[in-house]
């Protein structure tokens, strides 16, 4: 390790499931009962607190979607 890379290169991941392929509960439209959250989603967010917050929030949304699906 020689030096840190610029912040614009420090992205955890890119790509993923598009929002068009999900319903409002983050369930896949083409696979009933399969939910996506966090870095499974196709969006690029700044790393750090913003990314963590969005991962937790989408996980919460998907979790409520699972509960709704199982009822």
C-alpha atoms as a PDB file:
ATOM      1  CA  UNK A   1       0.000   0.000   0.000  1.00  0.00           C
ATOM      2  CA  UNK A   2       1.596   3.219  -1.195  1.00  0.00           C
ATOM      3  CA  UNK A   3      -1.162   5.804  -0.654  1.00  0.00           C
ATOM      4  CA  UNK A   4      -4.908   6.203  -0.303  1.00  0.00           C
ATOM      5  CA  UNK A   5      -6.965   6.564  -3.507  1.00  0.00           C
ATOM      6  CA  UNK A   6      -9.218   9.590  -4.145  1.00  0.00           C
ATOM      7  CA  UNK A   7     -12.665   9.474  -2.513  1.00  0.00           C
ATOM      8  CA  UNK A   8     -14.413   9.294  -5.908  1.00  0.00           C
ATOM      9  CA  UNK A   9     -12.734   5.897  -6.413  1.00  0.00           C
ATOM     10  CA  UNK A  10     -13.666   4.602  -2.950  1.00  0.00           C
ATOM     11  CA  UNK A  11     -17.100   3.294  -3.891  1.00  0.00           C
ATOM     12  CA  UNK A  12     -18.139  -0.033  -2.387  1.00  0.00           C
ATOM     13  CA  UNK A  13     -20.050  -1.315  -5.388  1.00  0.00           C
ATOM     14  CA  UNK A  14     -21.890  -0.218  -8.508  1.00  0.00           C
ATOM     15  CA  UNK A  15     -24.849  -1.678 -10.366  1.00  0.00           C
ATOM     16  CA  UNK A  16     -27.522  -3.960  -9.007  1.00  0.00           C
ATOM     17  CA  UNK A  17     -31.273  -4.437  -9.209  1.00  0.00           C
ATOM     18  CA  UNK A  18     -33.021  -1.478 -10.858  1.00  0.00           C
ATOM     19  CA  UNK A  19     -35.866   0.268  -9.064  1.00  0.00           C
ATOM     20  CA  UNK A  20     -38.123  -0.477 -12.039  1.00  0.00           C
ATOM     21  CA  UNK A  21     -37.743  -4.173 -11.187  1.00  0.00           C
ATOM     22  CA  UNK A  22     -39.012  -3.665  -7.619  1.00  0.00           C
ATOM     23  CA  UNK A  23     -42.348  -2.858  -6.043  1.00  0.00           C
ATOM     24  CA  UNK A  24     -42.850  -0.307  -3.254  1.00  0.00           C
ATOM     25  CA  UNK A  25     -41.785  -2.905  -0.664  1.00  0.00           C
ATOM     26  CA  UNK A  26     -38.536  -3.646  -2.551  1.00  0.00           C
ATOM     27  CA  UNK A  27     -39.805  -7.055  -3.701  1.00  0.00           C
ATOM     28  CA  UNK A  28     -38.697  -8.230  -7.142  1.00  0.00           C
ATOM     29  CA  UNK A  29     -41.546  -7.904  -9.620  1.00  0.00           C
ATOM     30  CA  UNK A  30     -40.434 -11.037 -11.482  1.00  0.00           C
ATOM     31  CA  UNK A  31     -39.784 -13.212  -8.392  1.00  0.00           C
ATOM     32  CA  UNK A  32     -42.478 -13.036  -5.754  1.00  0.00           C
ATOM     33  CA  UNK A  33     -41.134 -13.296  -2.219  1.00  0.00           C
ATOM     34  CA  UNK A  34     -37.600 -12.100  -3.067  1.00  0.00           C
ATOM     35  CA  UNK A  35     -36.681  -8.733  -1.544  1.00  0.00           C
ATOM     36  CA  UNK A  36     -33.662  -6.505  -2.170  1.00  0.00           C
ATOM     37  CA  UNK A  37     -32.001  -3.872  -0.010  1.00  0.00           C
ATOM     38  CA  UNK A  38     -28.767  -2.003   0.524  1.00  0.00           C
ATOM     39  CA  UNK A  39     -26.017  -2.574  -1.992  1.00  0.00           C
ATOM     40  CA  UNK A  40     -28.181  -5.033  -3.916  1.00  0.00           C
ATOM     41  CA  UNK A  41     -29.912  -1.954  -5.376  1.00  0.00           C
ATOM     42  CA  UNK A  42     -28.743  -0.086  -8.477  1.00  0.00           C
ATOM     43  CA  UNK A  43     -27.810   3.269  -7.037  1.00  0.00           C
ATOM     44  CA  UNK A  44     -24.528   4.933  -6.266  1.00  0.00           C
ATOM     45  CA  UNK A  45     -24.395   6.860  -3.036  1.00  0.00           C
ATOM     46  CA  UNK A  46     -21.514   8.574  -1.281  1.00  0.00           C
ATOM     47  CA  UNK A  47     -19.627   6.189   0.973  1.00  0.00           C
ATOM     48  CA  UNK A  48     -19.741   6.497   4.726  1.00  0.00           C
ATOM     49  CA  UNK A  49     -22.726   7.569   6.792  1.00  0.00           C
ATOM     50  CA  UNK A  50     -25.000   8.280   3.835  1.00  0.00           C
ATOM     51  CA  UNK A  51     -24.487   4.807   2.403  1.00  0.00           C
ATOM     52  CA  UNK A  52     -24.992   3.135   5.780  1.00  0.00           C
ATOM     53  CA  UNK A  53     -28.147   5.140   6.460  1.00  0.00           C
ATOM     54  CA  UNK A  54     -29.608   4.251   3.068  1.00  0.00           C
ATOM     55  CA  UNK A  55     -28.735   0.565   3.548  1.00  0.00           C
ATOM     56  CA  UNK A  56     -30.444   0.509   6.949  1.00  0.00           C
ATOM     57  CA  UNK A  57     -33.477   2.381   5.600  1.00  0.00           C
ATOM     58  CA  UNK A  58     -33.903   0.116   2.573  1.00  0.00           C
ATOM     59  CA  UNK A  59     -33.429  -2.939   4.806  1.00  0.00           C
ATOM     60  CA  UNK A  60     -36.199  -1.663   7.064  1.00  0.00           C
ATOM     61  CA  UNK A  61     -38.473  -1.081   4.066  1.00  0.00           C
ATOM     62  CA  UNK A  62     -37.759  -4.566   2.708  1.00  0.00           C
ATOM     63  CA  UNK A  63     -38.268  -6.080   6.169  1.00  0.00           C
ATOM     64  CA  UNK A  64     -41.725  -4.547   6.451  1.00  0.00           C
ATOM     65  CA  UNK A  65     -42.362  -5.802   2.923  1.00  0.00           C
ATOM     66  CA  UNK A  66     -41.513  -9.339   4.034  1.00  0.00           C
ATOM     67  CA  UNK A  67     -43.908  -9.062   6.982  1.00  0.00           C
ATOM     68  CA  UNK A  68     -46.648  -7.811   4.677  1.00  0.00           C
ATOM     69  CA  UNK A  69     -45.907 -10.592   2.173  1.00  0.00           C
ATOM     70  CA  UNK A  70     -46.128 -13.315   4.851  1.00  0.00           C
ATOM     71  CA  UNK A  71     -49.492 -12.156   6.198  1.00  0.00           C
END
